[in-house]
Amino acid sequence: MFPFGTLMYQNNTCKMDKKALQKFFIRKLMNFVPPKWGASHTEERNIFKGLGKHLIGRKETQDALKELYQLGFINRYKKTGEIHIFLSSEKKKEIEEFLLS
């Protein structure tokens, strides 16, 4: 189902590890047309599309996204009452290295 990352089964629930979720979020923003770098942005809720319903809203999913904000890989701001996000152009090389790790 997911071309990358590790699926873990615990107590009959399927979870992805944090790094796999982070890579999913970054790739999702890179695969938008046009890619969401710098001034091109999208609503935060759009990043969860494509994730399994069992992962949306879970603590580990929110923590993975929050860590990307803290690393500076993804920036966010409030626009039209919604939070919009985009990939940091200044950290492009670090983001690409993170995807390869």
Protein backbone atom coordinates (compact mmCIF):
# COMPACT_ATOMS: atom_id res chain seq x y z
CA MET A 1 0.00 0.00 0.00
CA PHE A 2 2.77 2.44 0.89
CA PRO A 3 5.76 2.33 -1.47
CA PHE A 4 8.04 3.45 1.34
CA GLY A 5 8.27 3.16 5.08
CA THR A 6 7.50 0.48 7.55
CA LEU A 7 4.06 -0.71 8.44
CA MET A 8 3.80 -1.99 11.99
CA TYR A 9 0.96 -4.06 13.38
CA GLN A 10 0.27 -3.69 17.06
CA ASN A 11 -2.92 -4.70 18.84
CA ASN A 12 -4.58 -5.42 15.46
CA THR A 13 -3.98 -1.84 14.24
CA CYS A 14 -1.72 -0.80 11.40
CA LYS A 15 0.70 2.07 12.00
CA MET A 16 3.50 3.68 10.02
CA ASP A 17 6.70 4.70 11.74
CA LYS A 18 7.38 8.42 12.18
CA LYS A 19 10.07 8.69 9.52
CA ALA A 20 7.84 7.00 6.93
CA LEU A 21 5.05 9.45 7.74
CA GLN A 22 7.44 12.39 7.41
CA LYS A 23 8.65 11.15 4.02
CA PHE A 24 5.03 10.70 2.95
CA PHE A 25 4.23 14.34 3.86
CA ILE A 26 7.31 15.71 2.07
CA ARG A 27 6.70 13.63 -1.05
CA LYS A 28 3.06 14.65 -1.03
CA LEU A 29 4.04 18.33 -1.15
CA MET A 30 6.65 17.64 -3.84
CA ASN A 31 4.14 15.75 -6.01
CA PHE A 32 1.50 18.47 -6.11
CA VAL A 33 1.21 20.28 -9.45
CA PRO A 34 2.89 22.72 -9.10
CA PRO A 35 5.17 21.43 -6.30
CA LYS A 36 4.62 23.27 -3.02
CA TRP A 37 8.01 25.00 -2.57
CA GLY A 38 8.30 28.57 -1.29
CA ALA A 39 5.41 30.81 -2.33
CA SER A 40 3.33 27.91 -3.70
CA HIS A 41 1.28 26.52 -0.82
CA THR A 42 -1.71 24.35 0.02
CA GLU A 43 -4.07 23.91 2.95
CA GLU A 44 -2.72 21.70 5.72
CA ARG A 45 -5.69 19.34 5.48
CA ASN A 46 -4.69 18.40 1.90
CA ILE A 47 -1.52 16.72 3.11
CA PHE A 48 -3.52 13.99 4.85
CA LYS A 49 -5.27 12.88 1.68
CA GLY A 50 -3.95 9.49 0.66
CA LEU A 51 -3.23 8.36 4.22
CA GLY A 52 -5.29 5.57 5.64
CA LYS A 53 -8.24 6.65 7.75
CA HIS A 54 -6.73 4.86 10.71
CA LEU A 55 -3.71 7.24 10.59
CA ILE A 56 -5.47 10.59 10.14
CA GLY A 57 -5.73 12.49 13.40
CA ARG A 58 -3.60 10.04 15.39
CA LYS A 59 -0.99 11.36 17.79
CA GLU A 60 1.97 9.81 15.92
CA THR A 61 0.78 11.39 12.67
CA GLN A 62 0.48 14.83 14.27
CA ASP A 63 3.87 14.40 15.99
CA ALA A 64 5.55 13.50 12.69
CA LEU A 65 4.18 16.64 11.03
CA LYS A 66 5.05 18.79 14.06
CA GLU A 67 8.66 17.59 13.92
CA LEU A 68 8.87 18.61 10.25
CA TYR A 69 7.73 22.10 11.30
CA GLN A 70 10.41 22.18 14.02
CA LEU A 71 13.13 21.03 11.60
CA GLY A 72 12.10 23.84 9.26
CA PHE A 73 11.41 21.47 6.37
CA ILE A 74 7.77 22.56 6.20
CA ASN A 75 6.61 26.10 6.90
CA ARG A 76 3.08 27.12 7.76
CA TYR A 77 1.04 30.28 8.07
CA LYS A 78 -2.58 31.22 8.45
CA LYS A 79 -4.31 32.48 5.33
CA THR A 80 -8.04 32.83 4.66
CA GLY A 81 -8.75 31.34 8.09
CA GLU A 82 -6.98 28.07 7.24
CA ILE A 83 -3.41 26.95 7.90
CA HIS A 84 -1.40 26.75 4.67
CA ILE A 85 1.86 24.86 4.34
CA PHE A 86 4.79 24.66 1.92
CA LEU A 87 8.28 23.17 1.69
CA SER A 88 11.16 25.42 2.68
CA SER A 89 13.25 26.42 -0.36
CA GLU A 90 16.22 27.17 1.90
CA LYS A 91 16.29 23.58 3.16
CA LYS A 92 15.87 21.89 -0.23
CA LYS A 93 19.21 20.06 -0.09
CA GLU A 94 18.57 18.84 3.48
CA ILE A 95 15.08 17.68 2.52
CA GLU A 96 16.44 15.69 -0.43
CA GLU A 97 19.08 14.09 1.84
CA PHE A 98 16.35 13.22 4.36
CA LEU A 99 14.34 11.47 1.64
CA LEU A 100 17.35 9.40 0.64
CA SER A 101 18.14 8.29 4.20
